[in-house]
C-alpha atoms as a PDB file:
ATOM      1  CA  MET A   1      16.976  -2.956  11.278  1.00  0.00           C
ATOM      2  CA  ARG A   2      18.512   0.246   9.977  1.00  0.00           C
ATOM      3  CA  ARG A   3      17.051   3.482  11.184  1.00  0.00           C
ATOM      4  CA  LYS A   4      15.424   5.766   8.603  1.00  0.00           C
ATOM      5  CA  ARG A   5      17.528   8.758   7.597  1.00  0.00           C
ATOM      6  CA  PHE A   6      14.642  10.977   6.642  1.00  0.00           C
ATOM      7  CA  THR A   7      11.460  11.940   8.440  1.00  0.00           C
ATOM      8  CA  GLU A   8       8.172  12.492   6.708  1.00  0.00           C
ATOM      9  CA  GLU A   9       8.710  16.261   6.892  1.00  0.00           C
ATOM     10  CA  GLN A  10      12.084  15.998   5.175  1.00  0.00           C
ATOM     11  CA  ILE A  11      10.721  13.673   2.492  1.00  0.00           C
ATOM     12  CA  ILE A  12       7.858  16.061   1.737  1.00  0.00           C
ATOM     13  CA  ALA A  13      10.315  18.991   1.590  1.00  0.00           C
ATOM     14  CA  VAL A  14      12.446  17.117  -1.001  1.00  0.00           C
ATOM     15  CA  LEU A  15       9.290  16.316  -2.996  1.00  0.00           C
ATOM     16  CA  ARG A  16       8.266  19.956  -2.935  1.00  0.00           C
ATOM     17  CA  GLU A  17      11.669  20.894  -4.359  1.00  0.00           C
ATOM     18  CA  HIS A  18      11.124  18.336  -7.104  1.00  0.00           C
ATOM     19  CA  GLU A  19       7.648  19.763  -7.818  1.00  0.00           C
ATOM     20  CA  ALA A  20       9.151  23.258  -7.995  1.00  0.00           C
ATOM     21  CA  GLY A  21      11.227  22.141 -10.945  1.00  0.00           C
ATOM     22  CA  ALA A  22      14.504  20.731  -9.594  1.00  0.00           C
ATOM     23  CA  LYS A  23      15.858  17.774 -11.530  1.00  0.00           C
ATOM     24  CA  ALA A  24      15.631  14.346  -9.917  1.00  0.00           C
ATOM     25  CA  GLY A  25      19.321  13.645 -10.410  1.00  0.00           C
ATOM     26  CA  ASP A  26      20.362  16.912  -8.765  1.00  0.00           C
ATOM     27  CA  LEU A  27      18.045  16.322  -5.789  1.00  0.00           C
ATOM     28  CA  ALA A  28      19.331  12.756  -5.412  1.00  0.00           C
ATOM     29  CA  ARG A  29      22.928  13.902  -5.277  1.00  0.00           C
ATOM     30  CA  LYS A  30      22.155  16.816  -2.953  1.00  0.00           C
ATOM     31  CA  HIS A  31      20.388  14.615  -0.383  1.00  0.00           C
ATOM     32  CA  GLY A  32      22.424  11.472  -0.797  1.00  0.00           C
ATOM     33  CA  ILE A  33      19.655   9.248  -2.140  1.00  0.00           C
ATOM     34  CA  SER A  34      19.078   7.414  -5.346  1.00  0.00           C
ATOM     35  CA  GLU A  35      16.680   8.542  -8.024  1.00  0.00           C
ATOM     36  CA  ALA A  36      14.699   5.367  -7.443  1.00  0.00           C
ATOM     37  CA  THR A  37      14.251   6.315  -3.806  1.00  0.00           C
ATOM     38  CA  LEU A  38      13.027   9.743  -4.893  1.00  0.00           C
ATOM     39  CA  TYR A  39      10.425   8.181  -7.220  1.00  0.00           C
ATOM     40  CA  ASN A  40       9.385   5.696  -4.530  1.00  0.00           C
ATOM     41  CA  TRP A  41       8.824   8.608  -2.144  1.00  0.00           C
ATOM     42  CA  LYS A  42       6.870  10.411  -4.844  1.00  0.00           C
ATOM     43  CA  ALA A  43       4.617   7.360  -5.316  1.00  0.00           C
ATOM     44  CA  LYS A  44       4.004   7.079  -1.581  1.00  0.00           C
ATOM     45  CA  TYR A  45       3.945  10.696  -0.384  1.00  0.00           C
ATOM     46  CA  GLY A  46       3.170  12.642  -3.623  1.00  0.00           C
ATOM     47  CA  GLY A  47       0.620  15.410  -3.075  1.00  0.00           C
ATOM     48  CA  MET A  48       0.542  14.982   0.725  1.00  0.00           C
ATOM     49  CA  ASP A  49       1.007  17.551   3.439  1.00  0.00           C
ATOM     50  CA  VAL A  50       3.070  16.823   6.529  1.00  0.00           C
ATOM     51  CA  SER A  51      -0.084  16.167   8.598  1.00  0.00           C
ATOM     52  CA  ASP A  52      -1.325  13.710   5.971  1.00  0.00           C
ATOM     53  CA  ALA A  53       2.007  11.877   6.035  1.00  0.00           C
ATOM     54  CA  LYS A  54       1.931  11.635   9.843  1.00  0.00           C
ATOM     55  CA  ARG A  55      -1.651  10.315   9.688  1.00  0.00           C
ATOM     56  CA  LEU A  56      -0.603   7.785   7.080  1.00  0.00           C
ATOM     57  CA  LYS A  57       2.231   6.606   9.348  1.00  0.00           C
ATOM     58  CA  ALA A  58      -0.126   6.305  12.326  1.00  0.00           C
ATOM     59  CA  LEU A  59      -2.597   4.272  10.270  1.00  0.00           C
ATOM     60  CA  GLU A  60       0.179   1.980   9.000  1.00  0.00           C
ATOM     61  CA  ASP A  61       1.286   1.406  12.602  1.00  0.00           C
ATOM     62  CA  GLU A  62      -2.252   0.652  13.733  1.00  0.00           C
ATOM     63  CA  ASN A  63      -2.761  -1.680  10.758  1.00  0.00           C
ATOM     64  CA  ALA A  64       0.380  -3.596  11.689  1.00  0.00           C
ATOM     65  CA  LYS A  65      -0.826  -4.006  15.276  1.00  0.00           C
ATOM     66  CA  LEU A  66      -4.239  -5.238  14.141  1.00  0.00           C
ATOM     67  CA  LYS A  67      -2.654  -7.720  11.736  1.00  0.00           C
ATOM     68  CA  LYS A  68      -0.550  -9.092  14.538  1.00  0.00           C
ATOM     69  CA  LEU A  69      -3.604  -9.425  16.800  1.00  0.00           C
ATOM     70  CA  LEU A  70      -5.481 -11.175  14.041  1.00  0.00           C
ATOM     71  CA  ALA A  71      -2.628 -13.603  13.449  1.00  0.00           C
ATOM     72  CA  ASP A  72      -2.460 -14.409  17.162  1.00  0.00           C
ATOM     73  CA  GLN A  73      -6.214 -15.035  17.319  1.00  0.00           C
ATOM     74  CA  MET A  74      -6.098 -17.256  14.243  1.00  0.00           C
ATOM     75  CA  LEU A  75      -3.221 -19.233  15.745  1.00  0.00           C
ATOM     76  CA  GLU A  76      -5.132 -19.733  18.986  1.00  0.00           C
ATOM     77  CA  ALA A  77      -8.291 -20.773  17.095  1.00  0.00           C
ATOM     78  CA  SER A  78      -6.254 -23.256  15.020  1.00  0.00           C
ATOM     79  CA  ALA A  79      -4.667 -24.772  18.145  1.00  0.00           C
ATOM     80  CA  LEU A  80      -8.071 -25.118  19.811  1.00  0.00           C
ATOM     81  CA  ARG A  81      -9.546 -26.691  16.674  1.00  0.00           C
ATOM     82  CA  GLU A  82      -6.674 -29.165  16.597  1.00  0.00           C
ATOM     83  CA  LEU A  83      -7.111 -29.987  20.254  1.00  0.00           C
ATOM     84  CA  LEU A  84     -10.847 -30.505  19.925  1.00  0.00           C
ATOM     85  CA  SER A  85     -10.389 -32.701  16.821  1.00  0.00           C
ATOM     86  CA  LYS A  86      -8.396 -35.249  18.775  1.00  0.00           C
ATOM     87  CA  ASN A  87     -10.211 -38.286  20.081  1.00  0.00           C
ATOM     88  CA  VAL A  88     -10.747 -37.589  23.805  1.00  0.00           C
ATOM     89  CA  TRP A  89     -12.079 -41.079  24.452  1.00  0.00           C
ATOM     90  CA  SER A  90      -8.719 -42.663  23.691  1.00  0.00           C
ATOM     91  CA  ALA A  91      -6.905 -40.614  26.347  1.00  0.00           C
ATOM     92  CA  PRO A  92      -4.906 -42.797  28.740  1.00  0.00           C
ATOM     93  CA  SER A  93      -6.560 -41.307  31.782  1.00  0.00           C
ATOM     94  CA  VAL A  94     -10.014 -42.415  30.563  1.00  0.00           C
ATOM     95  CA  GLN A  95      -9.106 -45.879  29.203  1.00  0.00           C
ATOM     96  CA  GLY A  96     -10.369 -48.710  31.350  1.00  0.00           C
ATOM     97  CA  PHE A  97     -12.861 -46.503  33.176  1.00  0.00           C
ATOM     98  CA  ALA A  98     -15.305 -45.520  30.477  1.00  0.00           C
ATOM     99  CA  THR A  99     -16.654 -47.218  27.435  1.00  0.00           C
ATOM    100  CA  SER A 100     -19.212 -44.601  26.345  1.00  0.00           C
ATOM    101  CA  PRO A 101     -19.656 -40.850  26.543  1.00  0.00           C
ATOM    102  CA  MET A 102     -22.373 -41.288  29.167  1.00  0.00           C
ATOM    103  CA  SER A 103     -20.204 -43.362  31.476  1.00  0.00           C
ATOM    104  CA  CYS A 104     -17.378 -40.901  30.993  1.00  0.00           C
ATOM    105  CA  THR A 105     -19.692 -38.100  32.067  1.00  0.00           C
ATOM    106  CA  ALA A 106     -20.433 -40.077  35.245  1.00  0.00           C
ATOM    107  CA  LEU A 107     -16.719 -40.487  35.904  1.00  0.00           C
ATOM    108  CA  ILE A 108     -16.091 -36.788  35.421  1.00  0.00           C
ATOM    109  CA  THR A 109     -19.015 -35.921  37.707  1.00  0.00           C
ATOM    110  CA  TYR A 110     -18.165 -38.352  40.489  1.00  0.00           C
ATOM    111  CA  GLY A 111     -14.418 -38.684  40.101  1.00  0.00           C
ATOM    112  CA  LYS A 112     -12.319 -41.563  38.769  1.00  0.00           C
ATOM    113  CA  SER A 113     -13.570 -44.490  40.740  1.00  0.00           C
ATOM    114  CA  THR A 114     -14.787 -47.906  39.745  1.00  0.00           C
ATOM    115  CA  SER A 115     -18.284 -47.246  40.975  1.00  0.00           C
ATOM    116  CA  ARG A 116     -20.408 -45.167  38.730  1.00  0.00           C
ATOM    117  CA  ARG A 117     -22.676 -43.650  41.385  1.00  0.00           C
ATOM    118  CA  PRO A 118     -21.761 -42.198  44.740  1.00  0.00           C
ATOM    119  CA  ARG A 119     -22.710 -44.151  47.813  1.00  0.00           C
ATOM    120  CA  ARG A 120     -25.576 -42.961  49.855  1.00  0.00           C
ATOM    121  CA  PRO A 121     -24.588 -41.958  53.358  1.00  0.00           C
ATOM    122  CA  GLY A 122     -26.856 -44.424  55.207  1.00  0.00           C
ATOM    123  CA  LEU A 123     -25.974 -47.602  53.302  1.00  0.00           C
ATOM    124  CA  ARG A 124     -23.268 -50.120  54.170  1.00  0.00           C
ATOM    125  CA  LYS A 125     -20.599 -51.200  51.730  1.00  0.00           C
ATOM    126  CA  SER A 126     -22.170 -54.675  51.252  1.00  0.00           C
ATOM    127  CA  ALA A 127     -25.645 -53.379  50.509  1.00  0.00           C
ATOM    128  CA  PRO A 128     -26.386 -53.069  46.804  1.00  0.00           C
ATOM    129  CA  ILE A 129     -27.227 -49.594  45.438  1.00  0.00           C
ATOM    130  CA  PRO A 130     -30.803 -49.552  44.169  1.00  0.00           C
ATOM    131  CA  ARG A 131     -31.117 -48.461  40.593  1.00  0.00           C
ATOM    132  CA  SER A 132     -33.815 -46.037  39.672  1.00  0.00           C
END
Protein backbone atom coordinates (compact mmCIF):
# COMPACT_ATOMS: atom_id res chain seq x y z
CA MET A 1 0.00 0.00 0.00
CA ARG A 2 1.27 3.44 -0.87
CA ARG A 3 2.39 5.62 1.99
CA LYS A 4 0.50 8.85 2.62
CA ARG A 5 2.22 11.99 1.42
CA PHE A 6 0.60 14.33 3.90
CA THR A 7 0.26 14.19 7.67
CA GLU A 8 -2.78 15.46 9.52
CA GLU A 9 -0.90 18.65 10.41
CA GLN A 10 -0.08 19.36 6.76
CA ILE A 11 -3.64 18.64 5.65
CA ILE A 12 -5.06 21.02 8.25
CA ALA A 13 -2.54 23.69 7.22
CA VAL A 14 -3.70 23.38 3.59
CA LEU A 15 -7.33 23.62 4.71
CA ARG A 16 -6.54 26.73 6.75
CA GLU A 17 -5.06 28.32 3.63
CA HIS A 18 -8.27 27.46 1.79
CA GLU A 19 -10.39 28.97 4.58
CA ALA A 20 -8.23 32.12 4.44
CA GLY A 21 -9.41 32.68 0.89
CA ALA A 22 -6.98 30.86 -1.40
CA LYS A 23 -8.58 29.29 -4.46
CA ALA A 24 -8.91 25.51 -4.54
CA GLY A 25 -7.22 25.20 -7.94
CA ASP A 26 -4.21 27.26 -6.82
CA LEU A 27 -3.81 25.23 -3.62
CA ALA A 28 -4.11 21.99 -5.55
CA ARG A 29 -1.34 23.00 -7.96
CA LYS A 30 0.85 24.35 -5.18
CA HIS A 31 0.72 21.14 -3.12
CA GLY A 32 0.52 18.64 -5.98
CA ILE A 33 -2.96 17.31 -5.24
CA SER A 34 -6.25 17.31 -7.10
CA GLU A 35 -9.14 19.56 -6.24
CA ALA A 36 -11.18 16.45 -5.42
CA THR A 37 -8.58 15.47 -2.81
CA LEU A 38 -8.80 18.95 -1.32
CA TYR A 39 -12.58 18.70 -1.04
CA ASN A 40 -12.33 15.18 0.42
CA TRP A 41 -9.94 16.51 3.06
CA LYS A 42 -12.34 19.35 3.74
CA ALA A 43 -15.18 16.88 4.26
CA LYS A 44 -13.10 14.77 6.63
CA TYR A 45 -10.98 17.31 8.48
CA GLY A 46 -12.92 20.57 8.00
CA GLY A 47 -13.09 22.65 11.19
CA MET A 48 -10.68 20.42 13.13
CA ASP A 49 -7.55 21.29 15.04
CA VAL A 50 -4.42 19.17 14.82
CA SER A 51 -5.20 17.51 18.16
CA ASP A 52 -8.72 16.66 16.95
CA ALA A 53 -7.30 15.10 13.79
CA LYS A 54 -4.83 13.01 15.78
CA ARG A 55 -7.63 11.86 18.08
CA LEU A 56 -9.75 10.96 15.03
CA LYS A 57 -6.86 8.90 13.63
CA ALA A 58 -6.39 7.10 16.97
CA LEU A 59 -10.11 6.31 17.17
CA GLU A 60 -10.12 5.01 13.59
CA ASP A 61 -7.17 2.72 14.40
CA GLU A 62 -8.86 1.45 17.56
CA ASN A 63 -12.09 0.88 15.64
CA ALA A 64 -10.23 -1.17 13.02
CA LYS A 65 -8.67 -3.35 15.73
CA LEU A 66 -12.03 -3.92 17.39
CA LYS A 67 -13.64 -4.83 14.08
CA LYS A 68 -10.91 -7.38 13.47
CA LEU A 69 -11.38 -8.88 16.95
CA LEU A 70 -15.13 -9.07 16.40
CA ALA A 71 -14.66 -10.79 13.05
CA ASP A 72 -12.30 -13.35 14.64
CA GLN A 73 -14.76 -14.04 17.46
CA MET A 74 -17.65 -14.43 15.03
CA LEU A 75 -15.57 -16.84 12.92
CA GLU A 76 -14.73 -18.93 15.99
CA ALA A 77 -18.37 -18.98 17.10
CA SER A 78 -19.46 -20.03 13.62
CA ALA A 79 -16.90 -22.84 13.54
CA LEU A 80 -18.01 -24.07 16.97
CA ARG A 81 -21.67 -23.93 15.95
CA GLU A 82 -20.89 -25.95 12.85
CA LEU A 83 -18.92 -28.49 14.87
CA LEU A 84 -21.69 -28.87 17.43
CA SER A 85 -24.36 -29.21 14.76
CA LYS A 86 -22.74 -32.35 13.38
CA ASN A 87 -24.11 -35.70 14.53
CA VAL A 88 -21.61 -36.93 17.12
CA TRP A 89 -23.32 -40.33 17.38
CA SER A 90 -22.35 -41.24 13.84
CA ALA A 91 -18.65 -40.73 14.47
CA PRO A 92 -16.55 -43.77 13.46
CA SER A 93 -14.92 -44.04 16.87
CA VAL A 94 -18.32 -44.48 18.55
CA GLN A 95 -20.00 -46.78 16.00
CA GLY A 96 -20.38 -50.33 17.22
CA PHE A 97 -19.84 -49.38 20.85
CA ALA A 98 -22.82 -47.25 21.67
CA THR A 99 -26.42 -47.23 20.56
CA SER A 100 -27.75 -44.50 22.84
CA PRO A 101 -26.47 -41.35 24.51
CA MET A 102 -26.52 -43.10 27.90
CA SER A 103 -24.36 -45.99 26.75
CA CYS A 104 -22.03 -43.55 25.05
CA THR A 105 -21.67 -41.72 28.36
CA ALA A 106 -20.69 -45.02 29.98
CA LEU A 107 -18.08 -45.60 27.26
CA ILE A 108 -16.64 -42.14 27.72
CA THR A 109 -16.56 -42.61 31.50
CA TYR A 110 -15.02 -46.07 31.51
CA GLY A 111 -13.09 -46.07 28.26
CA LYS A 112 -13.81 -47.84 24.97
CA SER A 113 -14.30 -51.41 26.05
CA THR A 114 -17.05 -53.90 25.35
CA SER A 115 -18.11 -54.03 28.98
CA ARG A 116 -20.20 -51.15 30.15
CA ARG A 117 -19.20 -51.21 33.81
CA PRO A 118 -15.77 -51.61 35.33
CA ARG A 119 -14.96 -54.85 37.07
CA ARG A 120 -14.90 -54.91 40.79
CA PRO A 121 -11.48 -55.76 42.17
CA GLY A 122 -12.55 -58.86 44.14
CA LEU A 123 -14.52 -60.64 41.41
CA ARG A 124 -13.18 -63.19 38.94
CA LYS A 125 -13.63 -62.88 35.21
CA SER A 126 -16.23 -65.69 35.05
CA ALA A 127 -18.41 -64.28 37.82
CA PRO A 128 -21.30 -62.16 36.55
CA ILE A 129 -21.45 -58.53 37.58
CA PRO A 130 -24.52 -57.93 39.74
CA ARG A 131 -26.78 -55.20 38.45
CA SER A 132 -28.16 -52.69 40.87
